[in-house]
Amino acid sequence: MGKGIIIGNKIKALRESKNMTIEQLADQAGLSLEQLVALEDSEVLTSLAPLIRVSRALGVRLGTFLDDDDSLGPVVCRKDESEESISFSNNKTSARRHMNYYSLAKSKSGRQMEPFVINIQACTAKDFIMSSHEGEEFIYVLEGAIKITYGKKTYNLFEGDSIFYDSIVEHHVEGDCEKGAKILAVVYSPI
């Protein structure tokens, strides 16, 4: 079973436990009914922003959708341990899997931050939709180069560069068009 289906099942179970219809949740999350149906039923996740909106509408942490265990102590992730990734199409109209997210804290319960290592594929299309959500994001470029569109400005970051921003401002992250990139990203989203 793909990670998208698992996340979709968690969303549906939480929605039903709160006696909410899918239409009510879509309205409270500020998403279209089609977007929410796609989240609950699809293996392709468009971006992190809709998940954050759904988590806020349900009154749960974003990590609730990503958790495997509920560890109260520290969580150690070893570089040689294989972890499942979550793939996002990053709102591309073709829904091509564009980013693979590797959670660095999915076993840590009660967390407020979501740290990820993200592999970003080389870009091939320019048809993306900007995303926005409450909270903050920190990105550090581990390998390659990325371009971040933030509001009306564009920032080019290279290996060793970082950026910290308020994610309520519309933004989009893409990898270098020839090589792609690998980044460390920490996302904070208040409940």
Protein backbone atom coordinates (compact mmCIF):
# COMPACT_ATOMS: atom_id res chain seq x y z
CA MET A 1 0.00 0.00 0.00
CA GLY A 2 1.43 3.39 -1.01
CA LYS A 3 2.11 6.11 1.58
CA GLY A 4 -0.49 8.36 -0.12
CA ILE A 5 -3.20 5.75 0.45
CA ILE A 6 -2.16 5.33 4.10
CA ILE A 7 -2.33 9.11 4.63
CA GLY A 8 -5.69 9.22 2.82
CA ASN A 9 -7.04 6.47 5.08
CA LYS A 10 -5.90 8.39 8.18
CA ILE A 11 -7.61 11.56 6.95
CA LYS A 12 -10.84 9.69 6.26
CA ALA A 13 -10.76 7.90 9.64
CA LEU A 14 -10.14 11.16 11.54
CA ARG A 15 -12.88 12.95 9.58
CA GLU A 16 -15.37 10.16 10.28
CA SER A 17 -14.40 10.02 13.97
CA LYS A 18 -15.38 13.71 14.19
CA ASN A 19 -18.67 13.01 12.35
CA MET A 20 -17.70 15.36 9.53
CA THR A 21 -18.79 14.92 5.96
CA ILE A 22 -16.15 15.22 3.27
CA GLU A 23 -17.89 18.44 2.14
CA GLN A 24 -17.64 19.94 5.65
CA LEU A 25 -13.93 19.13 5.91
CA ALA A 26 -13.24 20.53 2.45
CA ASP A 27 -15.01 23.77 3.43
CA GLN A 28 -13.19 24.09 6.78
CA ALA A 29 -9.82 23.32 5.17
CA GLY A 30 -10.40 25.79 2.34
CA LEU A 31 -10.02 23.06 -0.29
CA SER A 32 -12.25 22.05 -3.14
CA LEU A 33 -14.23 18.84 -2.76
CA GLU A 34 -12.18 17.37 -5.64
CA GLN A 35 -8.91 18.13 -3.81
CA LEU A 36 -10.08 16.43 -0.63
CA VAL A 37 -11.45 13.40 -2.47
CA ALA A 38 -8.05 13.12 -4.20
CA LEU A 39 -6.26 13.30 -0.83
CA GLU A 40 -8.45 10.58 0.68
CA ASP A 41 -8.36 8.27 -2.35
CA SER A 42 -5.13 8.93 -4.22
CA GLU A 43 -1.61 7.61 -4.05
CA VAL A 44 -0.29 10.88 -5.50
CA LEU A 45 -0.01 13.75 -3.03
CA THR A 46 0.03 17.14 -4.71
CA SER A 47 1.90 19.10 -2.03
CA LEU A 48 2.35 19.56 1.69
CA ALA A 49 0.06 22.63 1.87
CA PRO A 50 -3.29 20.75 1.55
CA LEU A 51 -2.17 18.28 4.24
CA ILE A 52 -1.39 21.17 6.56
CA ARG A 53 -4.81 22.74 5.90
CA VAL A 54 -6.59 19.43 6.56
CA SER A 55 -4.63 18.87 9.78
CA ARG A 56 -5.65 22.32 11.04
CA ALA A 57 -9.31 21.75 10.10
CA LEU A 58 -9.27 18.42 11.97
CA GLY A 59 -7.40 19.95 14.94
CA VAL A 60 -4.46 17.54 14.73
CA ARG A 61 -0.73 17.91 14.14
CA LEU A 62 0.56 17.42 10.62
CA GLY A 63 2.63 14.56 12.01
CA THR A 64 -0.57 12.63 12.76
CA PHE A 65 -0.73 11.72 9.06
CA LEU A 66 2.95 10.76 8.90
CA ASP A 67 3.41 8.91 12.22
CA ASP A 68 4.22 5.22 12.37
CA ASP A 69 4.82 4.92 16.13
CA ASP A 70 4.40 7.11 19.17
CA SER A 71 7.86 7.41 20.70
CA LEU A 72 8.09 9.77 23.65
CA GLY A 73 11.90 9.80 23.76
CA PRO A 74 14.33 11.05 21.15
CA VAL A 75 14.21 9.61 17.64
CA VAL A 76 17.49 8.71 15.97
CA CYS A 77 17.61 8.28 12.18
CA ARG A 78 20.70 6.52 10.84
CA LYS A 79 21.86 7.45 7.35
CA ASP A 80 22.17 3.83 6.25
CA GLU A 81 18.65 2.88 7.39
CA SER A 82 16.24 2.69 4.50
CA GLU A 83 13.13 4.78 5.10
CA GLU A 84 9.95 4.97 3.04
CA SER A 85 9.48 8.23 1.25
CA ILE A 86 6.38 10.26 0.59
CA SER A 87 6.12 11.45 -3.01
CA PHE A 88 4.56 14.76 -3.99
CA SER A 89 3.85 16.09 -7.44
CA ASN A 90 4.26 19.64 -6.07
CA ASN A 91 1.02 20.83 -7.69
CA LYS A 92 2.23 20.20 -11.23
CA THR A 93 -0.69 19.81 -13.56
CA SER A 94 0.78 16.56 -14.88
CA ALA A 95 0.94 15.19 -11.30
CA ARG A 96 4.41 13.83 -12.08
CA ARG A 97 6.15 12.73 -8.92
CA HIS A 98 8.59 15.55 -8.46
CA MET A 99 9.71 15.38 -4.81
CA ASN A 100 10.43 12.48 -2.47
CA TYR A 101 10.18 13.37 1.23
CA TYR A 102 12.03 11.26 3.82
CA SER A 103 10.71 12.02 7.29
CA LEU A 104 13.37 12.34 9.99
CA ALA A 105 10.92 12.25 12.91
CA LYS A 106 7.91 10.14 11.97
CA SER A 107 8.23 8.10 15.18
CA LYS A 108 8.32 11.15 17.48
CA SER A 109 4.95 11.87 19.04
CA GLY A 110 3.88 15.38 20.05
CA ARG A 111 6.29 17.10 17.68
CA GLN A 112 5.65 20.62 16.41
CA MET A 113 8.24 20.54 13.61
CA GLU A 114 8.45 18.22 10.60
CA PRO A 115 12.05 17.63 9.47
CA PHE A 116 12.57 16.03 6.05
CA VAL A 117 15.36 15.20 3.65
CA ILE A 118 13.85 15.86 0.22
CA ASN A 119 15.13 14.64 -3.12
CA ILE A 120 13.92 17.01 -5.82
CA GLN A 121 13.93 15.74 -9.39
CA ALA A 122 15.35 17.85 -12.21
CA CYS A 123 12.64 20.16 -13.51
CA THR A 124 11.10 19.53 -16.91
CA ALA A 125 7.91 21.60 -16.81
CA LYS A 126 7.04 25.10 -15.73
CA ASP A 127 3.34 24.52 -14.97
CA PHE A 128 3.26 24.73 -11.18
CA ILE A 129 0.89 26.27 -8.67
CA MET A 130 2.23 28.28 -5.72
CA SER A 131 1.30 26.98 -2.27
CA SER A 132 0.82 28.69 1.07
CA HIS A 133 -0.03 27.59 4.60
CA GLU A 134 0.40 28.87 8.12
CA GLY A 135 3.78 28.35 9.73
CA GLU A 136 7.43 28.60 8.87
CA GLU A 137 9.92 26.67 6.76
CA PHE A 138 13.69 26.29 6.89
CA ILE A 139 15.55 24.83 3.91
CA TYR A 140 19.24 23.92 3.70
CA VAL A 141 20.68 22.77 0.35
CA LEU A 142 22.67 19.56 0.83
CA GLU A 143 23.41 18.87 -2.86
CA GLY A 144 22.73 20.58 -6.17
CA ALA A 145 20.80 23.80 -6.52
CA ILE A 146 17.21 24.97 -6.04
CA LYS A 147 15.08 27.88 -7.08
CA ILE A 148 12.52 29.22 -4.62
CA THR A 149 9.77 31.51 -5.79
CA TYR A 150 8.57 33.42 -2.71
CA GLY A 151 5.84 35.94 -3.36
CA LYS A 152 7.08 37.99 -6.31
CA LYS A 153 10.79 37.28 -5.70
CA THR A 154 12.97 34.38 -6.80
CA TYR A 155 15.95 33.03 -4.83
CA ASN A 156 18.61 30.71 -6.26
CA LEU A 157 20.28 28.60 -3.57
CA PHE A 158 23.31 26.35 -3.96
CA GLU A 159 24.97 23.67 -1.85
CA GLY A 160 25.51 25.05 1.66
CA ASP A 161 22.95 27.88 1.28
CA SER A 162 19.82 28.11 3.41
CA ILE A 163 16.59 30.07 3.62
CA PHE A 164 14.03 30.58 6.41
CA TYR A 165 10.61 32.02 5.58
CA ASP A 166 7.00 32.45 6.64
CA SER A 167 5.08 29.88 4.62
CA ILE A 168 1.84 31.92 4.62
CA VAL A 169 3.40 33.78 1.68
CA GLU A 170 2.84 31.87 -1.58
CA HIS A 171 5.94 29.87 -2.46
CA HIS A 172 7.29 27.14 -4.71
CA VAL A 173 10.49 25.08 -4.54
CA GLU A 174 12.04 23.39 -7.57
CA GLY A 175 15.35 21.69 -8.28
CA ASP A 176 18.04 22.55 -10.77
CA CYS A 177 16.81 21.74 -14.27
CA GLU A 178 19.81 19.55 -15.08
CA LYS A 179 20.62 17.72 -11.84
CA GLY A 180 17.86 18.29 -9.31
CA ALA A 181 18.78 18.70 -5.65
CA LYS A 182 18.77 17.22 -2.17
CA ILE A 183 17.65 19.45 0.68
CA LEU A 184 17.00 19.38 4.41
CA ALA A 185 13.66 21.03 5.15
CA VAL A 186 12.06 21.73 8.51
CA VAL A 187 8.39 22.71 8.42
CA TYR A 188 6.58 24.22 11.40
CA SER A 189 2.82 24.40 11.24
CA PRO A 190 0.77 25.43 14.27
CA ILE A 191 -2.38 23.42 15.01
